[in-house]
C-alpha atoms as a PDB file:
ATOM      1  CA  VAL A   1       8.828  -7.512  -0.948  1.00  0.00           C
ATOM      2  CA  GLY A   2       8.277  -8.411   2.715  1.00  0.00           C
ATOM      3  CA  LEU A   3       6.455  -6.653   5.481  1.00  0.00           C
ATOM      4  CA  SER A   4       8.572  -5.378   8.337  1.00  0.00           C
ATOM      5  CA  GLU A   5       7.570  -6.318  11.868  1.00  0.00           C
ATOM      6  CA  ASN A   6       5.909  -3.592  13.923  1.00  0.00           C
ATOM      7  CA  SER A   7       8.561  -3.395  16.641  1.00  0.00           C
ATOM      8  CA  PHE A   8       6.761  -0.614  18.540  1.00  0.00           C
ATOM      9  CA  GLN A   9       3.627  -2.725  18.928  1.00  0.00           C
ATOM     10  CA  SER A  10       5.702  -5.692  20.139  1.00  0.00           C
ATOM     11  CA  GLN A  11       7.116  -3.493  22.951  1.00  0.00           C
ATOM     12  CA  LEU A  12       3.777  -3.164  24.764  1.00  0.00           C
ATOM     13  CA  ASN A  13       1.093  -5.130  26.545  1.00  0.00           C
ATOM     14  CA  TYR A  14      -2.407  -3.945  27.350  1.00  0.00           C
ATOM     15  CA  TYR A  15      -5.020  -5.404  29.652  1.00  0.00           C
ATOM     16  CA  PRO A  16      -7.681  -6.247  30.670  1.00  0.00           C
ATOM     17  CA  ASN A  17      -9.484  -6.962  27.463  1.00  0.00           C
ATOM     18  CA  PRO A  18     -12.466  -6.960  27.628  1.00  0.00           C
ATOM     19  CA  THR A  19     -12.474  -4.050  30.083  1.00  0.00           C
ATOM     20  CA  ASN A  20     -14.972  -2.228  32.245  1.00  0.00           C
ATOM     21  CA  GLY A  21     -13.295   1.076  31.355  1.00  0.00           C
ATOM     22  CA  LEU A  22      -9.716   1.181  32.659  1.00  0.00           C
ATOM     23  CA  VAL A  23      -7.048  -0.107  30.267  1.00  0.00           C
ATOM     24  CA  GLN A  24      -3.499  -0.606  31.537  1.00  0.00           C
ATOM     25  CA  ILE A  25      -0.769  -0.089  28.908  1.00  0.00           C
ATOM     26  CA  ASP A  26       2.688  -1.405  29.843  1.00  0.00           C
ATOM     27  CA  PHE A  27       5.838  -0.768  27.805  1.00  0.00           C
ATOM     28  CA  LYS A  28       9.135  -2.657  28.025  1.00  0.00           C
ATOM     29  CA  GLN A  29      10.993   0.649  28.349  1.00  0.00           C
ATOM     30  CA  VAL A  30      10.281   4.264  29.301  1.00  0.00           C
ATOM     31  CA  GLN A  31       8.315   6.184  26.673  1.00  0.00           C
ATOM     32  CA  GLN A  32       8.689   9.958  26.467  1.00  0.00           C
ATOM     33  CA  ASN A  33       5.585  10.988  24.570  1.00  0.00           C
ATOM     34  CA  ILE A  34       2.674   8.697  23.684  1.00  0.00           C
ATOM     35  CA  VAL A  35      -0.517   9.902  22.027  1.00  0.00           C
ATOM     36  CA  VAL A  36      -3.500   7.545  22.289  1.00  0.00           C
ATOM     37  CA  GLU A  37      -6.404   8.013  19.890  1.00  0.00           C
ATOM     38  CA  VAL A  38      -9.527   5.919  20.443  1.00  0.00           C
ATOM     39  CA  TYR A  39     -11.783   5.205  17.465  1.00  0.00           C
ATOM     40  CA  SER A  40     -15.283   3.737  17.465  1.00  0.00           C
ATOM     41  CA  ILE A  41     -16.084   0.728  15.311  1.00  0.00           C
ATOM     42  CA  GLN A  42     -17.538   3.236  12.790  1.00  0.00           C
ATOM     43  CA  GLY A  43     -14.092   4.883  12.525  1.00  0.00           C
ATOM     44  CA  MET A  44     -14.957   8.076  14.422  1.00  0.00           C
ATOM     45  CA  LEU A  45     -12.329   9.560  16.736  1.00  0.00           C
ATOM     46  CA  VAL A  46     -14.027   9.527  20.151  1.00  0.00           C
ATOM     47  CA  GLN A  47     -11.186  10.130  22.616  1.00  0.00           C
ATOM     48  CA  THR A  48      -7.591  11.401  22.648  1.00  0.00           C
ATOM     49  CA  GLN A  49      -5.104  11.333  25.479  1.00  0.00           C
ATOM     50  CA  GLN A  50      -1.396  12.083  25.790  1.00  0.00           C
ATOM     51  CA  PHE A  51       0.994  10.392  28.208  1.00  0.00           C
ATOM     52  CA  ASN A  52       4.526  11.514  29.040  1.00  0.00           C
ATOM     53  CA  ASN A  53       7.620   9.889  30.526  1.00  0.00           C
ATOM     54  CA  GLY A  54       6.699   6.470  31.837  1.00  0.00           C
ATOM     55  CA  GLU A  55       6.570   2.722  31.291  1.00  0.00           C
ATOM     56  CA  ARG A  56       2.984   2.225  32.481  1.00  0.00           C
ATOM     57  CA  PHE A  57      -0.074   4.276  31.588  1.00  0.00           C
ATOM     58  CA  GLU A  58      -3.729   3.912  32.523  1.00  0.00           C
ATOM     59  CA  LEU A  59      -6.391   4.960  30.032  1.00  0.00           C
ATOM     60  CA  ASN A  60      -9.946   5.519  31.192  1.00  0.00           C
ATOM     61  CA  LEU A  61     -12.054   4.432  28.220  1.00  0.00           C
ATOM     62  CA  ASP A  62     -14.878   6.877  28.901  1.00  0.00           C
ATOM     63  CA  GLN A  63     -17.232   5.515  26.236  1.00  0.00           C
ATOM     64  CA  PRO A  64     -20.328   3.306  26.044  1.00  0.00           C
ATOM     65  CA  ALA A  65     -19.952  -0.483  25.822  1.00  0.00           C
ATOM     66  CA  GLY A  66     -18.692  -1.627  22.426  1.00  0.00           C
ATOM     67  CA  ILE A  67     -15.620  -2.351  20.305  1.00  0.00           C
ATOM     68  CA  TYR A  68     -12.921   0.315  20.023  1.00  0.00           C
ATOM     69  CA  PHE A  69      -9.623   0.667  18.219  1.00  0.00           C
ATOM     70  CA  MET A  70      -6.751   2.431  19.961  1.00  0.00           C
ATOM     71  CA  GLN A  71      -3.923   3.918  17.938  1.00  0.00           C
ATOM     72  CA  LEU A  72      -0.796   4.673  19.957  1.00  0.00           C
ATOM     73  CA  THR A  73       1.859   6.912  18.415  1.00  0.00           C
ATOM     74  CA  ASN A  74       5.276   7.516  19.975  1.00  0.00           C
ATOM     75  CA  GLU A  75       7.675  10.449  19.576  1.00  0.00           C
ATOM     76  CA  LYS A  76       9.345   8.741  16.580  1.00  0.00           C
ATOM     77  CA  GLY A  77       6.027   8.467  14.739  1.00  0.00           C
ATOM     78  CA  GLU A  78       5.834   4.698  15.196  1.00  0.00           C
ATOM     79  CA  ARG A  79       2.301   3.372  15.650  1.00  0.00           C
ATOM     80  CA  ALA A  80       0.579   0.488  17.373  1.00  0.00           C
ATOM     81  CA  ASN A  81      -3.025  -0.457  16.695  1.00  0.00           C
ATOM     82  CA  LEU A  82      -4.987  -2.234  19.413  1.00  0.00           C
ATOM     83  CA  LYS A  83      -8.538  -3.562  19.594  1.00  0.00           C
ATOM     84  CA  VAL A  84     -10.390  -3.169  22.905  1.00  0.00           C
ATOM     85  CA  VAL A  85     -13.809  -4.417  23.934  1.00  0.00           C
ATOM     86  CA  LYS A  86     -15.612  -2.413  26.608  1.00  0.00           C
ATOM     87  CA  GLN A  87     -18.294  -4.293  28.518  1.00  0.00           C
END
């Protein structure tokens, strides 16, 4: 049994990392509906944002300095998990 590649995650880039608060998320193609959930290192959901119809989105990580995990979900239910450090 093999693990399938996460093709949704390979379709995006995010920067800068570490960040001072603004995180740019770029997709290779237009995305219709993206939900971004931000989790603290303790696993608590601390921020949610929805983006519609675009290739580039800007997330304002409105949290204290630390390590965060972003889970992006598209309209097909595919997920990407990203680690972000806020300075």
